[in-house]
Amino acid sequence: MKQRITIFTACLLGLAACDGPQEDRGEVTDNAAGVVSSEDAIESGPNETLGEARDDAAESANEAREAQADALEDQADQAREEADQRAEALEDQAEKARGR
């Protein structure tokens, strides 16, 4: 039983360590307003919940921007490769025209 409590406590501490900055600010605000018993309370107040949603939205937006940047890099790599192939074909054509 003690092992289960220890594991449960460790999981809660792990989750608490993952709070984003807006969720942390909301937690402090809720505590100062007396909405929760303490900043370490298990229950979440409205500002903490809102902060968590904002942190999640910001993380999703960052992931979307990273995915878009990766896609643009892939497009640039493909365009560069196609340009290199065209340049090589033009060089071959020029050499043939020179009679080499």
N, C-alpha and C. Protein backbone atom coordinates (compact mmCIF):
# COMPACT_ATOMS: atom_id res chain seq x y z
N MET A 1 0.82 -1.19 0.00
CA MET A 1 0.00 0.00 0.00
C MET A 1 0.86 1.25 0.00
N LYS A 2 1.94 1.23 0.82
CA LYS A 2 2.82 2.40 0.87
C LYS A 2 3.46 2.64 -0.49
N GLN A 3 3.76 1.55 -1.19
CA GLN A 3 4.37 1.69 -2.51
C GLN A 3 3.41 2.38 -3.48
N ARG A 4 2.13 2.04 -3.41
CA ARG A 4 1.15 2.68 -4.29
C ARG A 4 1.03 4.17 -4.00
N ILE A 5 1.04 4.52 -2.71
CA ILE A 5 0.97 5.93 -2.33
C ILE A 5 2.19 6.67 -2.83
N THR A 6 3.36 6.04 -2.72
CA THR A 6 4.60 6.66 -3.18
C THR A 6 4.57 6.87 -4.69
N ILE A 7 4.10 5.87 -5.41
CA ILE A 7 4.00 5.98 -6.87
C ILE A 7 3.01 7.07 -7.26
N PHE A 8 1.85 7.08 -6.57
CA PHE A 8 0.83 8.09 -6.85
C PHE A 8 1.39 9.49 -6.59
N THR A 9 2.08 9.66 -5.48
CA THR A 9 2.68 10.95 -5.13
C THR A 9 3.72 11.36 -6.17
N ALA A 10 4.53 10.41 -6.60
CA ALA A 10 5.55 10.71 -7.62
C ALA A 10 4.89 11.14 -8.92
N CYS A 11 3.79 10.48 -9.29
CA CYS A 11 3.08 10.85 -10.53
C CYS A 11 2.51 12.26 -10.41
N LEU A 12 1.94 12.58 -9.26
CA LEU A 12 1.39 13.92 -9.07
C LEU A 12 2.49 14.98 -9.13
N LEU A 13 3.61 14.69 -8.52
CA LEU A 13 4.73 15.64 -8.57
C LEU A 13 5.24 15.79 -10.00
N GLY A 14 5.26 14.69 -10.73
CA GLY A 14 5.69 14.75 -12.13
C GLY A 14 4.75 15.60 -12.97
N LEU A 15 3.46 15.45 -12.73
CA LEU A 15 2.49 16.26 -13.46
C LEU A 15 2.60 17.73 -13.06
N ALA A 16 2.82 18.00 -11.81
CA ALA A 16 2.94 19.38 -11.35
C ALA A 16 4.17 20.05 -11.96
N ALA A 17 5.20 19.28 -12.18
CA ALA A 17 6.42 19.84 -12.76
C ALA A 17 6.24 20.21 -14.22
N CYS A 18 5.17 19.74 -14.84
CA CYS A 18 4.93 20.00 -16.26
C CYS A 18 4.07 21.23 -16.49
N ASP A 19 3.75 21.95 -15.44
CA ASP A 19 2.91 23.14 -15.61
C ASP A 19 3.60 24.16 -16.49
N GLY A 20 2.81 24.79 -17.33
CA GLY A 20 3.33 25.87 -18.16
C GLY A 20 3.30 27.18 -17.39
N PRO A 21 3.88 28.22 -17.96
CA PRO A 21 3.97 29.50 -17.25
C PRO A 21 2.62 30.13 -16.96
N GLN A 22 1.68 30.03 -17.88
CA GLN A 22 0.37 30.64 -17.65
C GLN A 22 -0.43 29.84 -16.61
N GLU A 23 -0.25 28.53 -16.62
CA GLU A 23 -0.92 27.71 -15.61
C GLU A 23 -0.35 28.03 -14.23
N ASP A 24 0.97 28.20 -14.15
CA ASP A 24 1.59 28.56 -12.87
C ASP A 24 1.08 29.90 -12.36
N ARG A 25 0.97 30.88 -13.25
CA ARG A 25 0.45 32.19 -12.84
C ARG A 25 -0.99 32.08 -12.37
N GLY A 26 -1.79 31.27 -13.06
CA GLY A 26 -3.17 31.07 -12.66
C GLY A 26 -3.28 30.41 -11.30
N GLU A 27 -2.37 29.47 -11.05
CA GLU A 27 -2.35 28.79 -9.75
C GLU A 27 -2.07 29.78 -8.62
N VAL A 28 -1.11 30.66 -8.84
CA VAL A 28 -0.78 31.69 -7.85
C VAL A 28 -1.96 32.64 -7.65
N THR A 29 -2.58 33.04 -8.75
CA THR A 29 -3.74 33.94 -8.69
C THR A 29 -4.90 33.30 -7.93
N ASP A 30 -5.18 32.04 -8.24
CA ASP A 30 -6.26 31.33 -7.54
C ASP A 30 -5.98 31.24 -6.04
N ASN A 31 -4.73 30.96 -5.69
CA ASN A 31 -4.37 30.87 -4.29
C ASN A 31 -4.52 32.22 -3.60
N ALA A 32 -4.06 33.29 -4.25
CA ALA A 32 -4.15 34.63 -3.67
C ALA A 32 -5.61 35.06 -3.49
N ALA A 33 -6.47 34.60 -4.41
CA ALA A 33 -7.89 34.97 -4.34
C ALA A 33 -8.66 34.07 -3.37
N GLY A 34 -7.98 33.06 -2.84
CA GLY A 34 -8.64 32.16 -1.90
C GLY A 34 -9.54 31.14 -2.55
N VAL A 35 -9.40 30.94 -3.85
CA VAL A 35 -10.24 29.98 -4.58
C VAL A 35 -9.83 28.54 -4.24
N VAL A 36 -8.53 28.34 -3.98
CA VAL A 36 -8.02 27.03 -3.59
C VAL A 36 -7.33 27.18 -2.25
N SER A 37 -7.15 26.05 -1.56
CA SER A 37 -6.58 26.10 -0.22
C SER A 37 -5.10 26.45 -0.22
N SER A 38 -4.38 26.07 -1.25
CA SER A 38 -2.96 26.41 -1.37
C SER A 38 -2.52 26.22 -2.81
N GLU A 39 -1.32 26.72 -3.14
CA GLU A 39 -0.81 26.54 -4.50
C GLU A 39 -0.55 25.08 -4.81
N ASP A 40 -0.32 24.29 -3.78
CA ASP A 40 -0.03 22.87 -3.95
C ASP A 40 -1.29 22.00 -3.89
N ALA A 41 -2.44 22.62 -3.85
CA ALA A 41 -3.70 21.87 -3.77
C ALA A 41 -3.90 21.05 -5.04
N ILE A 42 -4.53 19.92 -4.88
CA ILE A 42 -4.78 19.03 -6.03
C ILE A 42 -5.82 19.64 -6.96
N GLU A 43 -6.84 20.28 -6.37
CA GLU A 43 -7.89 20.86 -7.22
C GLU A 43 -7.36 22.11 -7.93
N SER A 44 -7.92 22.36 -9.08
CA SER A 44 -7.53 23.53 -9.87
C SER A 44 -8.61 24.60 -9.78
N GLY A 45 -8.16 25.84 -9.68
CA GLY A 45 -9.09 26.96 -9.71
C GLY A 45 -9.32 27.38 -11.15
N PRO A 46 -10.21 28.34 -11.36
CA PRO A 46 -10.54 28.76 -12.73
C PRO A 46 -9.35 29.39 -13.46
N ASN A 47 -8.53 30.16 -12.76
CA ASN A 47 -7.40 30.80 -13.43
C ASN A 47 -6.33 29.78 -13.82
N GLU A 48 -6.13 28.78 -12.97
CA GLU A 48 -5.17 27.72 -13.30
C GLU A 48 -5.66 26.93 -14.51
N THR A 49 -6.95 26.61 -14.52
CA THR A 49 -7.53 25.86 -15.63
C THR A 49 -7.42 26.65 -16.93
N LEU A 50 -7.73 27.94 -16.86
CA LEU A 50 -7.61 28.80 -18.04
C LEU A 50 -6.15 28.89 -18.49
N GLY A 51 -5.24 29.03 -17.53
CA GLY A 51 -3.82 29.10 -17.86
C GLY A 51 -3.34 27.82 -18.52
N GLU A 52 -3.81 26.68 -18.03
CA GLU A 52 -3.43 25.41 -18.64
C GLU A 52 -3.92 25.33 -20.08
N ALA A 53 -5.15 25.77 -20.31
CA ALA A 53 -5.70 25.77 -21.68
C ALA A 53 -4.88 26.69 -22.59
N ARG A 54 -4.48 27.83 -22.06
CA ARG A 54 -3.66 28.75 -22.86
C ARG A 54 -2.28 28.16 -23.14
N ASP A 55 -1.69 27.51 -22.15
CA ASP A 55 -0.39 26.85 -22.37
C ASP A 55 -0.51 25.75 -23.42
N ASP A 56 -1.61 24.97 -23.34
CA ASP A 56 -1.83 23.91 -24.34
C ASP A 56 -2.00 24.50 -25.73
N ALA A 57 -2.73 25.60 -25.83
CA ALA A 57 -2.94 26.25 -27.13
C ALA A 57 -1.63 26.78 -27.68
N ALA A 58 -0.82 27.37 -26.81
CA ALA A 58 0.48 27.90 -27.25
C ALA A 58 1.39 26.76 -27.72
N GLU A 59 1.36 25.65 -26.99
CA GLU A 59 2.18 24.50 -27.39
C GLU A 59 1.72 23.94 -28.74
N SER A 60 0.40 23.85 -28.93
CA SER A 60 -0.13 23.36 -30.21
C SER A 60 0.25 24.30 -31.35
N ALA A 61 0.18 25.60 -31.10
CA ALA A 61 0.55 26.58 -32.12
C ALA A 61 2.03 26.45 -32.47
N ASN A 62 2.87 26.25 -31.45
CA ASN A 62 4.30 26.07 -31.71
C ASN A 62 4.56 24.81 -32.52
N GLU A 63 3.87 23.74 -32.18
CA GLU A 63 4.04 22.50 -32.94
C GLU A 63 3.60 22.68 -34.38
N ALA A 64 2.52 23.42 -34.60
CA ALA A 64 2.04 23.68 -35.96
C ALA A 64 3.06 24.50 -36.73
N ARG A 65 3.64 25.52 -36.07
CA ARG A 65 4.67 26.34 -36.74
C ARG A 65 5.90 25.50 -37.08
N GLU A 66 6.29 24.61 -36.17
CA GLU A 66 7.43 23.75 -36.45
C GLU A 66 7.15 22.82 -37.62
N ALA A 67 5.94 22.27 -37.66
CA ALA A 67 5.57 21.39 -38.77
C ALA A 67 5.56 22.16 -40.09
N GLN A 68 5.07 23.40 -40.05
CA GLN A 68 5.05 24.23 -41.25
C GLN A 68 6.49 24.56 -41.69
N ALA A 69 7.35 24.86 -40.74
CA ALA A 69 8.75 25.15 -41.06
C ALA A 69 9.42 23.93 -41.67
N ASP A 70 9.14 22.74 -41.12
CA ASP A 70 9.70 21.51 -41.68
C ASP A 70 9.23 21.30 -43.11
N ALA A 71 7.95 21.56 -43.36
CA ALA A 71 7.40 21.39 -44.71
C ALA A 71 8.06 22.38 -45.68
N LEU A 72 8.25 23.62 -45.22
CA LEU A 72 8.90 24.61 -46.08
C LEU A 72 10.35 24.23 -46.37
N GLU A 73 11.03 23.69 -45.37
CA GLU A 73 12.41 23.24 -45.60
C GLU A 73 12.44 22.10 -46.61
N ASP A 74 11.49 21.18 -46.51
CA ASP A 74 11.41 20.08 -47.47
C ASP A 74 11.16 20.61 -48.88
N GLN A 75 10.26 21.60 -48.99
CA GLN A 75 9.99 22.21 -50.30
C GLN A 75 11.24 22.89 -50.85
N ALA A 76 11.96 23.59 -49.99
CA ALA A 76 13.19 24.27 -50.43
C ALA A 76 14.23 23.25 -50.88
N ASP A 77 14.37 22.16 -50.15
CA ASP A 77 15.32 21.12 -50.54
C ASP A 77 14.95 20.53 -51.89
N GLN A 78 13.66 20.29 -52.10
CA GLN A 78 13.21 19.73 -53.37
C GLN A 78 13.45 20.72 -54.51
N ALA A 79 13.14 21.99 -54.28
CA ALA A 79 13.36 23.00 -55.32
C ALA A 79 14.84 23.13 -55.65
N ARG A 80 15.69 23.06 -54.61
CA ARG A 80 17.14 23.14 -54.82
C ARG A 80 17.64 21.95 -55.64
N GLU A 81 17.11 20.77 -55.33
CA GLU A 81 17.51 19.57 -56.05
C GLU A 81 17.08 19.65 -57.52
N GLU A 82 15.86 20.13 -57.76
CA GLU A 82 15.38 20.29 -59.13
C GLU A 82 16.20 21.33 -59.89
N ALA A 83 16.57 22.41 -59.22
CA ALA A 83 17.39 23.44 -59.86
C ALA A 83 18.76 22.89 -60.19
N ASP A 84 19.33 22.09 -59.30
CA ASP A 84 20.63 21.48 -59.57
C ASP A 84 20.55 20.54 -60.78
N GLN A 85 19.47 19.77 -60.87
CA GLN A 85 19.29 18.87 -62.01
C GLN A 85 19.15 19.65 -63.31
N ARG A 86 18.39 20.76 -63.29
CA ARG A 86 18.25 21.58 -64.50
C ARG A 86 19.58 22.21 -64.88
N ALA A 87 20.33 22.67 -63.88
CA ALA A 87 21.63 23.28 -64.16
C ALA A 87 22.58 22.25 -64.77
N GLU A 88 22.55 21.05 -64.25
CA GLU A 88 23.41 20.00 -64.78
C GLU A 88 23.01 19.66 -66.22
N ALA A 89 21.71 19.60 -66.48
CA ALA A 89 21.23 19.32 -67.84
C ALA A 89 21.66 20.43 -68.79
N LEU A 90 21.58 21.69 -68.35
CA LEU A 90 22.03 22.81 -69.19
C LEU A 90 23.53 22.76 -69.44
N GLU A 91 24.30 22.38 -68.43
CA GLU A 91 25.75 22.25 -68.61
C GLU A 91 26.07 21.15 -69.62
N ASP A 92 25.35 20.01 -69.53
CA ASP A 92 25.56 18.93 -70.49
C ASP A 92 25.21 19.40 -71.90
N GLN A 93 24.12 20.14 -72.01
CA GLN A 93 23.69 20.66 -73.30
C GLN A 93 24.73 21.63 -73.86
N ALA A 94 25.28 22.47 -73.01
CA ALA A 94 26.30 23.43 -73.45
C ALA A 94 27.55 22.70 -73.91
N GLU A 95 27.95 21.67 -73.22
CA GLU A 95 29.14 20.90 -73.62
C GLU A 95 28.91 20.23 -74.97
N LYS A 96 27.71 19.70 -75.18
CA LYS A 96 27.40 19.08 -76.47
C LYS A 96 27.45 20.11 -77.59
N ALA A 97 26.95 21.33 -77.29
CA ALA A 97 26.97 22.39 -78.29
C ALA A 97 28.39 22.80 -78.62
N ARG A 98 29.29 22.72 -77.65
CA ARG A 98 30.71 23.06 -77.89
C ARG A 98 31.43 21.94 -78.60
N GLY A 99 30.80 20.78 -78.67
CA GLY A 99 31.39 19.66 -79.37
C GLY A 99 32.29 18.80 -78.49
N ARG A 100 32.06 18.78 -77.22
CA ARG A 100 32.89 17.98 -76.32
C ARG A 100 32.22 16.69 -75.96
